[in-house]
């Protein structure tokens, strides 16, 4: 595992220095890895202080939650290691006054021991101190008693509630009691798709096969309570929600706050998919989701996976969650629409003024050819993906497969003529294929359809001209030329060979066979070309030896058309 660090022994301090450099309103203690609020008044005027912390590796927790309305200080240990008693005590002395301090601790032995002893030392020094332990991991419900469960991502919501109360001037007992009640009500569960690597260790904490996941894992790179086969997102979300709802006795009619937390290596795309399912499932069960936060709020380094947390809420608890905060990592209001808003998309339908509408046979042949090409592209999806991954973003295979599926849905729908059929295929590809391929194929087919619609007859020469105009349209839209290592390096030789064969009086099948051979030769030649356009152009000589995926896709559907032409 590659890491952007210097010396692993200094990574925590350097991380905190970087955070302090870019975050107004916070300060870093000189001899301890402690981040504090910079705006605190003199000790006698200070409200109840709220402090949390733990080992590093959970960023943006815990230092990211230092700010008005959340934490007054965060104490950071080495990666996945509890901070020392002295570090915790230094934080208490830096931010607490006679009003006292609440220490919010995740339920791990090291954290409880070190924060607990620091609290005792603070009391002996005249600073009132209360401990709030968060043990929200419901995955352990069948393994250990509730008081021995781990503290995971739900801890962030306890920070928010305690911090809001302290900022509002609540007393030490009031802040501690509200935080304890919230901690006892919240439930969380996680799933990991892989392990993480502690910088000082250099190797992953555990290993998973490509088709395995860990359910109910903690946040320190340790394995979960169950190893199982990889599943789609929806059933995994349902499994986690079932466990939380049952354990926390959340029922229809209850209101909750939902936290969808990334574990460090999960992109926003996947978290959004998870959030979508969680919202849908909870609402279907009659549970009112009052607030939702989705993002990486408490991580386990670069671990891929997520956790879900549900906190039952009432108006008072919601008010604490809604209270303003300047903590840089707090993800915002969490207010969401009561239901997904969908509006109809209005896209104009392309129509043609056609002189000849009687080519039923040719229209059927066009659709048959489109279906043949679609089947061939679907069968070669993996090859196209691999080629595009070597020189692009790797999406061509799935784009072609998506277009193929849309074309296959046209099966059984007749077309009045060839131009109508080409227009329908163009509209289908335009709607189903994103990126550059959809517009290229759509513009080419539309240009060809325009030529056919204006033609009195549909002989081989008419089709050849339509083909040529289609290729010209692709070139005009994209700005590429032969030799730029694009689909045109297969298309232009194909057009030239087809027209030349017809000029020699070859029959259409023979001419099309020449067309396919020329396209395949052109695609093979792209392996020797330096790309000048598109993402491949950023790679330069690194793509030499690999054929252009777009050109290969052209050869696939051209060869598939042989069965129709013959």
Protein backbone atom coordinates (compact mmCIF):
# COMPACT_ATOMS: atom_id res chain seq x y z
CA UNK A 1 0.00 0.00 0.00
CA UNK A 2 1.45 3.36 -1.06
CA UNK A 3 1.00 6.26 1.36
CA UNK A 4 1.63 9.99 1.00
CA UNK A 5 3.59 10.27 4.25
CA UNK A 6 7.11 11.09 5.31
CA UNK A 7 8.16 9.22 8.44
CA UNK A 8 5.29 7.08 9.82
CA UNK A 9 6.43 8.02 13.33
CA UNK A 10 5.59 11.66 12.63
CA UNK A 11 2.48 11.28 10.50
CA UNK A 12 0.01 12.25 13.24
CA UNK A 13 1.77 15.47 14.16
CA UNK A 14 2.28 16.46 10.55
CA UNK A 15 -1.38 15.76 9.82
CA UNK A 16 -2.49 17.98 12.70
CA UNK A 17 -0.08 20.72 11.62
CA UNK A 18 -1.62 20.65 8.17
CA UNK A 19 -5.11 20.89 9.65
CA UNK A 20 -4.11 23.82 11.88
CA UNK A 21 -2.53 25.57 8.90
CA UNK A 22 -5.82 25.68 6.97
CA UNK A 23 -8.48 25.94 9.70
CA UNK A 24 -9.26 29.32 11.26
CA UNK A 25 -10.29 29.26 14.90
CA UNK A 26 -8.23 26.29 16.10
CA UNK A 27 -4.84 25.92 17.77
CA UNK A 28 -2.44 23.04 18.31
CA UNK A 29 -0.81 22.41 21.69
CA UNK A 30 2.96 22.56 21.44
CA UNK A 31 3.90 19.40 23.35
CA UNK A 32 0.82 17.21 22.82
CA UNK A 33 -1.19 16.12 19.79
CA UNK A 34 -4.22 18.11 20.91
CA UNK A 35 -6.34 20.50 18.84
CA UNK A 36 -8.30 23.15 20.76
CA UNK A 37 -10.64 26.04 20.05
CA UNK A 38 -8.73 29.31 19.87
CA UNK A 39 -11.61 31.59 20.89
CA UNK A 40 -12.19 30.44 24.46
CA UNK A 41 -12.69 33.08 27.17
CA UNK A 42 -10.85 33.14 30.48
CA UNK A 43 -11.39 29.89 32.48
CA UNK A 44 -13.87 31.45 34.90
CA UNK A 45 -16.19 32.44 32.04
CA UNK A 46 -15.96 29.20 30.10
CA UNK A 47 -19.02 27.00 29.59
CA UNK A 48 -18.89 23.24 30.01
CA UNK A 49 -16.12 21.93 27.77
CA UNK A 50 -16.67 18.93 25.48
CA UNK A 51 -13.62 16.85 24.60
CA UNK A 52 -13.28 13.69 22.55
CA UNK A 53 -10.53 11.85 20.76
CA UNK A 54 -8.87 8.55 20.14
CA UNK A 55 -6.32 7.14 17.79
CA UNK A 56 -5.56 8.84 14.48
CA UNK A 57 -6.74 7.25 11.26
CA UNK A 58 -10.39 8.21 11.71
CA UNK A 59 -10.19 11.55 9.94
CA UNK A 60 -11.98 13.88 9.77
CA UNK A 61 -12.67 12.69 13.34
CA UNK A 62 -11.84 13.90 15.82
CA UNK A 63 -10.00 17.14 15.18
CA UNK A 64 -12.37 18.06 12.36
CA UNK A 65 -15.17 18.46 14.90
CA UNK A 66 -13.40 21.09 16.99
CA UNK A 67 -15.36 24.31 16.67
CA UNK A 68 -18.13 26.43 18.14
CA UNK A 69 -21.11 24.19 18.83
CA UNK A 70 -19.18 20.89 18.89
CA UNK A 71 -15.88 19.97 20.52
CA UNK A 72 -13.69 22.31 22.51
CA UNK A 73 -10.73 19.98 22.05
CA UNK A 74 -9.74 16.74 20.33
CA UNK A 75 -6.98 14.49 21.62
CA UNK A 76 -5.22 12.39 18.99
CA UNK A 77 -3.12 9.29 19.57
CA UNK A 78 -0.97 7.36 17.16
CA UNK A 79 -2.83 5.61 14.36
CA UNK A 80 -5.49 3.38 15.92
CA UNK A 81 -3.89 3.88 19.36
CA UNK A 82 -5.47 5.60 22.33
CA UNK A 83 -3.90 8.93 23.31
CA UNK A 84 -2.02 9.04 26.59
CA UNK A 85 -3.39 10.18 29.94
CA UNK A 86 -1.08 13.18 29.83
CA UNK A 87 -2.41 14.23 26.41
CA UNK A 88 -6.03 14.01 27.59
CA UNK A 89 -5.20 15.88 30.78
CA UNK A 90 -3.42 18.60 28.77
CA UNK A 91 -6.59 19.04 26.71
CA UNK A 92 -8.71 19.32 29.85
CA UNK A 93 -6.39 21.92 31.35
CA UNK A 94 -6.33 23.87 28.08
CA UNK A 95 -10.09 24.26 27.58
CA UNK A 96 -11.99 23.51 30.81
CA UNK A 97 -12.96 25.86 33.59
CA UNK A 98 -15.01 25.66 36.81
CA UNK A 99 -18.09 24.62 34.78
CA UNK A 100 -16.37 21.31 34.11
CA UNK A 101 -15.74 19.00 31.18
CA UNK A 102 -17.50 16.12 29.41
CA UNK A 103 -15.20 13.51 27.89
CA UNK A 104 -16.86 11.55 25.07
CA UNK A 105 -15.16 8.21 24.65
CA UNK A 106 -15.65 5.39 22.17
CA UNK A 107 -15.94 2.06 23.96
CA UNK A 108 -12.42 0.66 23.56
CA UNK A 109 -10.29 -0.42 26.49
CA UNK A 110 -7.41 1.96 25.82
CA UNK A 111 -9.67 4.98 25.40
CA UNK A 112 -11.67 4.18 28.53
CA UNK A 113 -8.53 3.70 30.64
CA UNK A 114 -6.69 6.81 29.49
CA UNK A 115 -9.67 9.16 29.39
CA UNK A 116 -10.97 7.71 32.62
CA UNK A 117 -7.73 8.28 34.52
CA UNK A 118 -7.43 11.77 33.05
CA UNK A 119 -10.94 12.53 34.32
CA UNK A 120 -9.98 11.35 37.79
CA UNK A 121 -6.87 13.53 37.76
CA UNK A 122 -8.93 16.49 36.57
CA UNK A 123 -11.38 16.05 39.44
CA UNK A 124 -8.52 15.89 41.92
CA UNK A 125 -7.32 19.19 40.50
CA UNK A 126 -10.72 20.77 41.04
CA UNK A 127 -12.16 20.44 37.52
CA UNK A 128 -15.52 18.64 37.48
CA UNK A 129 -15.44 15.88 34.85
CA UNK A 130 -17.95 13.44 33.40
CA UNK A 131 -17.35 10.50 31.08
CA UNK A 132 -19.81 9.55 28.30
CA UNK A 133 -19.09 6.19 26.68
CA UNK A 134 -20.45 5.47 23.19
CA UNK A 135 -21.04 1.78 22.40
CA UNK A 136 -23.25 1.95 19.31
CA UNK A 137 -22.10 -1.13 17.33
CA UNK A 138 -25.16 -3.40 17.11
CA UNK A 139 -23.21 -6.01 15.11
CA UNK A 140 -21.99 -7.33 18.45
CA UNK A 141 -25.50 -7.78 19.88
CA UNK A 142 -25.26 -11.57 19.81
CA UNK A 143 -21.67 -11.66 21.00
CA UNK A 144 -21.27 -9.33 23.98
CA UNK A 145 -23.52 -7.47 26.39
CA UNK A 146 -24.51 -3.89 25.39
CA UNK A 147 -22.00 -2.25 27.71
CA UNK A 148 -19.10 -3.99 25.95
CA UNK A 149 -19.97 -3.07 22.39
CA UNK A 150 -17.62 -0.95 20.33
CA UNK A 151 -18.05 2.75 19.67
CA UNK A 152 -18.12 3.60 15.98
CA UNK A 153 -19.47 6.34 13.70
CA UNK A 154 -22.53 7.22 15.78
CA UNK A 155 -20.09 8.97 18.12
CA UNK A 156 -20.09 11.99 15.80
CA UNK A 157 -23.77 12.67 16.50
CA UNK A 158 -23.07 12.51 20.25
CA UNK A 159 -20.35 15.15 19.74
CA UNK A 160 -22.94 17.36 18.08
CA UNK A 161 -25.60 17.01 20.76
CA UNK A 162 -23.20 17.56 23.65
CA UNK A 163 -21.50 20.48 21.92
CA UNK A 164 -24.80 22.22 21.18
CA UNK A 165 -25.93 21.93 24.77
CA UNK A 166 -22.62 23.20 26.12
CA UNK A 167 -22.69 26.15 23.71
CA UNK A 168 -26.22 26.98 24.91
CA UNK A 169 -24.99 27.20 28.51
CA UNK A 170 -26.30 23.92 29.90
CA UNK A 171 -24.81 22.62 33.12
CA UNK A 172 -22.37 19.75 33.36
CA UNK A 173 -25.02 17.25 34.53
CA UNK A 174 -27.38 18.39 31.75
CA UNK A 175 -24.78 18.02 29.01
CA UNK A 176 -23.59 14.64 30.27
CA UNK A 177 -27.11 13.24 30.72
CA UNK A 178 -28.30 14.30 27.26
CA UNK A 179 -25.15 12.82 25.70
CA UNK A 180 -25.58 9.56 27.62
CA UNK A 181 -29.21 9.24 26.62
CA UNK A 182 -28.34 9.81 22.97
CA UNK A 183 -25.44 7.34 23.21
CA UNK A 184 -27.72 4.68 24.67
CA UNK A 185 -30.31 5.24 21.91
CA UNK A 186 -28.10 5.27 18.82
CA UNK A 187 -27.30 2.11 16.86
CA UNK A 188 -24.74 1.56 14.11
CA UNK A 189 -23.45 -1.23 11.91
CA UNK A 190 -20.75 -1.38 9.24
CA UNK A 191 -19.61 -3.42 6.27
CA UNK A 192 -16.14 -3.48 4.71
CA UNK A 193 -15.19 -4.48 1.19
CA UNK A 194 -11.51 -4.61 2.07
CA UNK A 195 -8.95 -3.85 4.76
CA UNK A 196 -6.86 -0.79 5.53
CA UNK A 197 -3.14 -0.37 6.09
CA UNK A 198 -1.62 1.33 9.13
CA UNK A 199 1.35 3.43 7.88
CA UNK A 200 3.77 2.00 10.44
CA UNK A 201 2.74 -1.58 9.68
CA UNK A 202 2.85 -1.38 5.90
CA UNK A 203 0.49 -4.32 5.41
CA UNK A 204 -3.28 -4.72 5.55
CA UNK A 205 -4.88 -5.84 8.79
CA UNK A 206 -6.68 -8.71 7.08
CA UNK A 207 -7.27 -10.01 3.57
CA UNK A 208 -10.45 -10.68 1.63
CA UNK A 209 -11.03 -12.60 -1.56
CA UNK A 210 -12.47 -10.63 -4.46
CA UNK A 211 -15.95 -11.95 -3.71
CA UNK A 212 -15.84 -11.54 0.10
CA UNK A 213 -16.90 -8.82 2.53
CA UNK A 214 -16.72 -8.30 6.30
CA UNK A 215 -19.95 -7.56 8.17
CA UNK A 216 -19.99 -5.81 11.51
CA UNK A 217 -16.41 -4.62 11.55
CA UNK A 218 -14.91 -2.04 13.87
CA UNK A 219 -13.00 1.09 12.88
CA UNK A 220 -9.44 -0.02 13.58
CA UNK A 221 -8.81 -2.32 10.65
CA UNK A 222 -9.91 -5.40 12.56
CA UNK A 223 -12.08 -8.10 10.91
CA UNK A 224 -15.84 -8.07 11.37
CA UNK A 225 -18.12 -10.50 13.15
CA UNK A 226 -18.95 -12.37 9.93
CA UNK A 227 -17.26 -12.93 6.60
CA UNK A 228 -19.67 -13.51 3.74
CA UNK A 229 -20.01 -13.25 -0.02
CA UNK A 230 -20.23 -9.90 -1.74
CA UNK A 231 -23.79 -8.74 -2.35
CA UNK A 232 -25.34 -5.78 -4.18
CA UNK A 233 -25.75 -2.59 -2.19
CA UNK A 234 -29.51 -2.87 -1.55
CA UNK A 235 -29.55 -6.19 0.32
CA UNK A 236 -26.51 -5.12 2.36
CA UNK A 237 -28.25 -1.92 3.40
CA UNK A 238 -31.39 -3.87 4.33
CA UNK A 239 -29.34 -6.31 6.39
CA UNK A 240 -27.69 -3.52 8.38
CA UNK A 241 -30.95 -1.66 8.87
CA UNK A 242 -32.72 -4.81 10.04
CA UNK A 243 -30.07 -5.31 12.71
CA UNK A 244 -30.19 -1.71 13.92
CA UNK A 245 -33.99 -1.41 13.92
CA UNK A 246 -34.43 -4.65 15.82
CA UNK A 247 -31.73 -3.91 18.38
CA UNK A 248 -32.83 -0.31 19.00
CA UNK A 249 -36.56 -1.19 18.90
CA UNK A 250 -37.26 1.47 16.28
CA UNK A 251 -40.79 1.07 14.93
CA UNK A 252 -43.22 2.57 12.45
CA UNK A 253 -44.12 6.09 13.47
CA UNK A 254 -40.73 6.82 15.05
CA UNK A 255 -38.54 9.66 13.87
CA UNK A 256 -34.81 9.16 13.33
CA UNK A 257 -31.65 10.84 12.16
CA UNK A 258 -29.68 8.76 9.65
CA UNK A 259 -25.92 8.84 9.22
CA UNK A 260 -24.39 7.09 6.20
CA UNK A 261 -20.68 7.06 6.92
CA UNK A 262 -17.88 6.18 4.53
CA UNK A 263 -14.95 4.29 6.00
CA UNK A 264 -12.33 6.17 3.99
CA UNK A 265 -12.17 4.39 0.63
CA UNK A 266 -15.79 4.64 -0.46
CA UNK A 267 -16.57 7.27 -3.12
CA UNK A 268 -19.59 9.58 -2.88
CA UNK A 269 -21.22 7.65 -5.73
CA UNK A 270 -21.46 4.48 -3.66
CA UNK A 271 -22.48 6.33 -0.51
CA UNK A 272 -25.32 7.94 -2.48
CA UNK A 273 -26.50 4.51 -3.64
CA UNK A 274 -26.47 3.33 -0.02
CA UNK A 275 -28.26 6.46 1.19
CA UNK A 276 -30.95 6.06 -1.45
CA UNK A 277 -31.74 2.53 -0.31
CA UNK A 278 -31.64 3.38 3.38
CA UNK A 279 -34.10 6.23 2.91
CA UNK A 280 -36.40 4.13 0.75
CA UNK A 281 -36.41 1.22 3.20
CA UNK A 282 -36.97 3.34 6.31
CA UNK A 283 -39.80 5.30 4.72
CA UNK A 284 -41.44 2.11 3.47
CA UNK A 285 -41.50 0.90 7.08
CA UNK A 286 -43.27 4.03 8.27
CA UNK A 287 -40.21 5.57 9.93
CA UNK A 288 -39.82 9.32 9.52
CA UNK A 289 -36.29 10.25 8.55
CA UNK A 290 -35.89 13.74 9.97
CA UNK A 291 -32.25 14.32 9.11
CA UNK A 292 -29.72 12.58 6.85
CA UNK A 293 -25.97 13.00 6.59
CA UNK A 294 -23.94 11.10 4.00
CA UNK A 295 -20.17 11.29 3.70
CA UNK A 296 -16.96 10.27 5.37
CA UNK A 297 -17.39 11.48 8.93
CA UNK A 298 -15.38 8.86 10.85
CA UNK A 299 -13.07 6.72 8.77
CA UNK A 300 -10.70 3.79 9.13
CA UNK A 301 -7.88 5.15 6.96
CA UNK A 302 -8.54 4.04 3.37
CA UNK A 303 -10.89 1.16 4.14
CA UNK A 304 -13.58 0.62 1.48
CA UNK A 305 -16.99 0.24 3.06
CA UNK A 306 -19.57 2.13 5.06
CA UNK A 307 -21.62 2.13 8.22
CA UNK A 308 -25.19 3.16 8.97
CA UNK A 309 -26.26 4.88 12.19
CA UNK A 310 -29.80 5.57 13.37
CA UNK A 311 -30.54 7.93 16.23
CA UNK A 312 -34.15 8.21 17.44
CA UNK A 313 -35.02 11.91 17.69
CA UNK A 314 -37.56 14.14 19.39
CA UNK A 315 -37.87 17.93 19.01
CA UNK A 316 -35.25 18.62 21.66
CA UNK A 317 -32.69 16.27 20.15
CA UNK A 318 -33.38 17.65 16.68
CA UNK A 319 -32.77 21.15 17.96
CA UNK A 320 -29.34 20.11 19.23
CA UNK A 321 -28.50 18.47 15.90
CA UNK A 322 -29.69 21.59 14.06
CA UNK A 323 -27.77 24.07 16.22
CA UNK A 324 -25.09 26.07 14.43
CA UNK A 325 -21.48 24.93 14.51
CA UNK A 326 -18.22 26.09 12.98
CA UNK A 327 -16.62 22.63 13.12
CA UNK A 328 -15.09 22.22 9.65
CA UNK A 329 -16.01 18.56 9.22
CA UNK A 330 -19.68 18.82 10.23
CA UNK A 331 -21.57 18.05 7.00
CA UNK A 332 -24.38 20.60 7.23
CA UNK A 333 -28.04 20.74 8.16
CA UNK A 334 -29.01 17.22 7.12
CA UNK A 335 -32.45 18.47 6.07
CA UNK A 336 -33.83 16.41 3.18
CA UNK A 337 -37.03 16.51 1.09
CA UNK A 338 -39.90 14.41 2.41
CA UNK A 339 -39.89 12.50 -0.87
CA UNK A 340 -37.73 12.25 -3.98
CA UNK A 341 -38.68 14.92 -6.51
CA UNK A 342 -38.97 13.71 -10.10
CA UNK A 343 -39.77 15.97 -13.04
CA UNK A 344 -40.41 14.79 -16.61
CA UNK A 345 -37.57 15.45 -19.03
CA UNK A 346 -38.68 17.06 -22.28
CA UNK A 347 -36.45 16.08 -25.19
CA UNK A 348 -37.53 16.99 -28.73
CA UNK A 349 -38.09 14.08 -31.08
CA UNK A 350 -36.14 14.29 -34.33
CA UNK A 351 -38.35 14.05 -37.40
CA UNK A 352 -37.47 13.93 -41.06
CA UNK A 353 -39.22 15.27 -44.16
CA UNK A 354 -39.04 12.14 -46.28
CA UNK A 355 -39.91 11.85 -49.95
CA UNK A 356 -40.12 8.09 -49.91
CA UNK A 357 -41.95 6.30 -47.07
CA UNK A 358 -42.45 2.91 -48.69
CA UNK A 359 -39.19 1.16 -47.93
CA UNK A 360 -40.66 -1.27 -45.40
CA UNK A 361 -38.19 -3.98 -46.36
CA UNK A 362 -35.18 -1.68 -46.02
CA UNK A 363 -36.42 -0.40 -42.69
CA UNK A 364 -36.73 -3.93 -41.38
CA UNK A 365 -33.20 -4.65 -42.64
CA UNK A 366 -31.86 -1.61 -40.78
CA UNK A 367 -33.39 -2.80 -37.53
CA UNK A 368 -32.09 -6.32 -38.14
CA UNK A 369 -28.62 -4.92 -38.70
CA UNK A 370 -28.84 -2.83 -35.54
CA UNK A 371 -29.85 -5.90 -33.54
CA UNK A 372 -26.99 -7.93 -35.01
CA UNK A 373 -24.50 -5.21 -34.14
CA UNK A 374 -25.95 -4.90 -30.64
CA UNK A 375 -25.57 -8.61 -29.95
CA UNK A 376 -21.98 -8.58 -31.19
CA UNK A 377 -21.07 -5.57 -29.04
CA UNK A 378 -22.67 -7.13 -25.97
CA UNK A 379 -20.63 -10.29 -26.49
CA UNK A 380 -17.37 -8.30 -26.70
CA UNK A 381 -18.04 -5.96 -23.75
CA UNK A 382 -15.12 -7.28 -21.70
CA UNK A 383 -12.64 -6.81 -24.54
CA UNK A 384 -13.77 -3.22 -25.14
CA UNK A 385 -13.55 -2.44 -21.43
CA UNK A 386 -10.01 -3.79 -21.23
CA UNK A 387 -8.89 -1.85 -24.31
CA UNK A 388 -10.46 1.38 -23.08
CA UNK A 389 -8.98 0.92 -19.60
CA UNK A 390 -5.52 0.76 -21.12
CA UNK A 391 -5.88 4.10 -22.89
CA UNK A 392 -8.96 5.84 -21.47
CA UNK A 393 -11.46 5.70 -18.65
CA UNK A 394 -12.61 2.11 -19.18
CA UNK A 395 -16.26 2.95 -19.81
CA UNK A 396 -16.60 2.00 -23.48
CA UNK A 397 -17.54 -1.62 -22.88
CA UNK A 398 -20.39 -0.80 -20.54
CA UNK A 399 -21.46 2.13 -22.76
CA UNK A 400 -21.69 -0.14 -25.79
CA UNK A 401 -23.53 -2.77 -23.75
CA UNK A 402 -26.00 -0.15 -22.53
CA UNK A 403 -26.62 0.97 -26.10
CA UNK A 404 -26.95 -2.64 -27.22
CA UNK A 405 -29.58 -3.32 -24.58
CA UNK A 406 -31.55 -0.28 -25.68
CA UNK A 407 -31.43 -1.38 -29.32
CA UNK A 408 -32.50 -4.90 -28.39
CA UNK A 409 -35.57 -3.37 -26.78
CA UNK A 410 -36.58 -2.20 -30.27
CA UNK A 411 -36.96 -5.81 -31.40
CA UNK A 412 -40.42 -6.46 -32.82
CA UNK A 413 -41.13 -2.79 -33.53
CA UNK A 414 -41.40 -2.23 -37.25
CA UNK A 415 -40.22 0.86 -39.12
CA UNK A 416 -41.93 2.59 -42.03
CA UNK A 417 -38.72 3.01 -44.01
CA UNK A 418 -34.95 2.92 -43.73
CA UNK A 419 -34.64 6.59 -42.79
CA UNK A 420 -37.18 6.15 -39.99
CA UNK A 421 -35.33 3.11 -38.73
CA UNK A 422 -31.98 4.89 -38.68
CA UNK A 423 -33.54 7.85 -36.88
CA UNK A 424 -35.04 5.58 -34.23
CA UNK A 425 -31.71 3.88 -33.66
CA UNK A 426 -29.99 7.29 -33.46
CA UNK A 427 -32.50 8.50 -30.85
CA UNK A 428 -32.10 5.27 -28.90
CA UNK A 429 -28.31 5.57 -28.78
CA UNK A 430 -28.44 9.26 -27.98
CA UNK A 431 -30.55 8.55 -24.92
CA UNK A 432 -28.85 5.38 -23.73
CA UNK A 433 -25.12 6.06 -24.22
CA UNK A 434 -23.48 8.84 -22.27
CA UNK A 435 -19.99 10.17 -22.88
CA UNK A 436 -18.76 10.70 -26.42
CA UNK A 437 -19.92 7.48 -28.10
CA UNK A 438 -23.63 8.30 -27.92
CA UNK A 439 -23.38 11.67 -29.69
CA UNK A 440 -20.97 10.29 -32.31
CA UNK A 441 -23.17 7.38 -33.30
CA UNK A 442 -26.34 9.48 -33.12
CA UNK A 443 -25.04 12.25 -35.36
CA UNK A 444 -23.71 9.75 -37.90
CA UNK A 445 -26.99 7.85 -38.10
CA UNK A 446 -29.03 11.06 -38.33
CA UNK A 447 -26.88 12.34 -41.19
CA UNK A 448 -27.28 9.03 -42.99
CA UNK A 449 -31.04 9.12 -42.39
CA UNK A 450 -31.26 12.59 -43.89
CA UNK A 451 -29.59 11.36 -47.07
CA UNK A 452 -31.85 8.31 -47.35
CA UNK A 453 -34.96 10.42 -46.73
CA UNK A 454 -34.02 12.70 -49.61
CA UNK A 455 -33.23 9.86 -52.02
CA UNK A 456 -35.67 8.50 -54.60
CA UNK A 457 -34.14 5.03 -54.61
CA UNK A 458 -32.19 2.91 -52.16
CA UNK A 459 -29.56 1.27 -54.32
CA UNK A 460 -26.05 0.35 -53.19
CA UNK A 461 -24.68 3.71 -54.27
CA UNK A 462 -27.24 5.53 -52.11
CA UNK A 463 -26.25 3.45 -49.09
CA UNK A 464 -22.55 4.08 -49.75
CA UNK A 465 -23.11 7.82 -49.85
CA UNK A 466 -25.19 7.68 -46.68
CA UNK A 467 -22.36 5.76 -44.99
CA UNK A 468 -19.82 8.33 -46.15
CA UNK A 469 -21.92 11.25 -44.92
CA UNK A 470 -22.37 9.53 -41.57
CA UNK A 471 -18.61 9.22 -41.14
CA UNK A 472 -18.11 12.86 -42.19
CA UNK A 473 -20.65 13.91 -39.57
CA UNK A 474 -18.72 12.07 -36.85
CA UNK A 475 -15.51 13.78 -37.97
CA UNK A 476 -17.16 17.21 -37.99
CA UNK A 477 -18.65 16.79 -34.52
CA UNK A 478 -15.49 15.49 -32.87
CA UNK A 479 -12.87 17.38 -34.83
CA UNK A 480 -10.75 14.27 -35.42
CA UNK A 481 -8.99 13.22 -38.59
CA UNK A 482 -7.60 9.91 -39.82
CA UNK A 483 -4.39 9.19 -37.95
CA UNK A 484 -5.61 10.69 -34.67
CA UNK A 485 -6.20 7.22 -33.22
CA UNK A 486 -10.01 7.30 -33.05
CA UNK A 487 -12.97 5.38 -34.45
CA UNK A 488 -12.42 7.30 -37.69
CA UNK A 489 -9.30 5.23 -38.33
CA UNK A 490 -11.60 2.27 -38.84
CA UNK A 491 -14.53 4.14 -40.42
CA UNK A 492 -12.78 6.05 -43.20
CA UNK A 493 -10.94 2.99 -44.60
CA UNK A 494 -14.23 1.07 -44.40
CA UNK A 495 -16.10 3.71 -46.45
CA UNK A 496 -13.32 3.93 -49.01
CA UNK A 497 -13.14 0.15 -49.44
CA UNK A 498 -16.93 -0.17 -49.76
CA UNK A 499 -17.17 2.53 -52.44
CA UNK A 500 -14.15 1.16 -54.31
CA UNK A 501 -15.60 -2.36 -54.41
CA UNK A 502 -18.94 -1.07 -55.67
CA UNK A 503 -17.05 0.89 -58.32
CA UNK A 504 -15.55 -2.41 -59.50
CA UNK A 505 -19.13 -3.73 -59.85
CA UNK A 506 -18.75 -6.09 -56.89
CA UNK A 507 -21.99 -7.26 -55.34
CA UNK A 508 -23.01 -5.68 -52.04
CA UNK A 509 -21.98 -8.66 -49.89
CA UNK A 510 -18.49 -8.78 -51.41
CA UNK A 511 -18.14 -5.01 -51.13
CA UNK A 512 -19.15 -5.13 -47.49
CA UNK A 513 -16.61 -7.88 -46.81
CA UNK A 514 -13.91 -5.57 -48.23
CA UNK A 515 -15.30 -2.81 -46.01
CA UNK A 516 -14.92 -4.98 -42.88
CA UNK A 517 -11.38 -6.05 -43.75
CA UNK A 518 -10.33 -2.44 -44.32
CA UNK A 519 -11.85 -1.38 -40.99
CA UNK A 520 -10.04 -4.17 -39.15
CA UNK A 521 -6.75 -3.18 -40.75
CA UNK A 522 -7.39 0.44 -39.78
CA UNK A 523 -8.17 -0.53 -36.19
CA UNK A 524 -5.02 -2.64 -35.98
CA UNK A 525 -3.00 0.33 -37.21
CA UNK A 526 -4.16 2.44 -34.26
CA UNK A 527 -1.86 0.40 -32.04
CA UNK A 528 1.02 2.22 -33.75
CA UNK A 529 -0.52 5.70 -33.52
CA UNK A 530 0.04 8.35 -30.88
CA UNK A 531 -3.33 9.70 -29.74
CA UNK A 532 -4.07 13.36 -30.43
CA UNK A 533 -7.57 13.67 -29.01
CA UNK A 534 -9.51 12.50 -25.96
CA UNK A 535 -8.23 11.09 -22.67
CA UNK A 536 -5.79 8.80 -24.46
CA UNK A 537 -3.88 11.89 -25.63
CA UNK A 538 -2.83 12.51 -22.00
CA UNK A 539 -0.95 9.19 -21.97
CA UNK A 540 1.24 9.74 -25.03
CA UNK A 541 3.51 6.82 -25.91
CA UNK A 542 2.14 4.69 -23.05
CA UNK A 543 -0.76 3.60 -25.27
CA UNK A 544 1.41 2.35 -28.11
CA UNK A 545 0.81 -1.33 -28.74
CA UNK A 546 -2.86 -1.17 -27.74
CA UNK A 547 -5.61 -0.74 -30.34
CA UNK A 548 -8.07 2.10 -29.94
CA UNK A 549 -11.20 0.75 -28.30
CA UNK A 550 -13.56 2.92 -30.35
CA UNK A 551 -12.02 1.70 -33.60
CA UNK A 552 -12.30 -1.92 -32.47
CA UNK A 553 -15.97 -1.36 -31.57
CA UNK A 554 -16.55 -0.19 -35.15
CA UNK A 555 -15.06 -3.41 -36.55
CA UNK A 556 -17.30 -5.49 -34.28
CA UNK A 557 -20.58 -4.07 -35.53
CA UNK A 558 -19.39 -3.81 -39.12
CA UNK A 559 -18.57 -7.53 -39.15
CA UNK A 560 -21.92 -8.30 -37.53
CA UNK A 561 -23.66 -6.55 -40.45
CA UNK A 562 -22.24 -9.13 -42.85
CA UNK A 563 -25.03 -11.50 -41.83
CA UNK A 564 -27.65 -8.93 -42.82
CA UNK A 565 -25.96 -7.79 -46.03
CA UNK A 566 -25.56 -11.37 -47.23
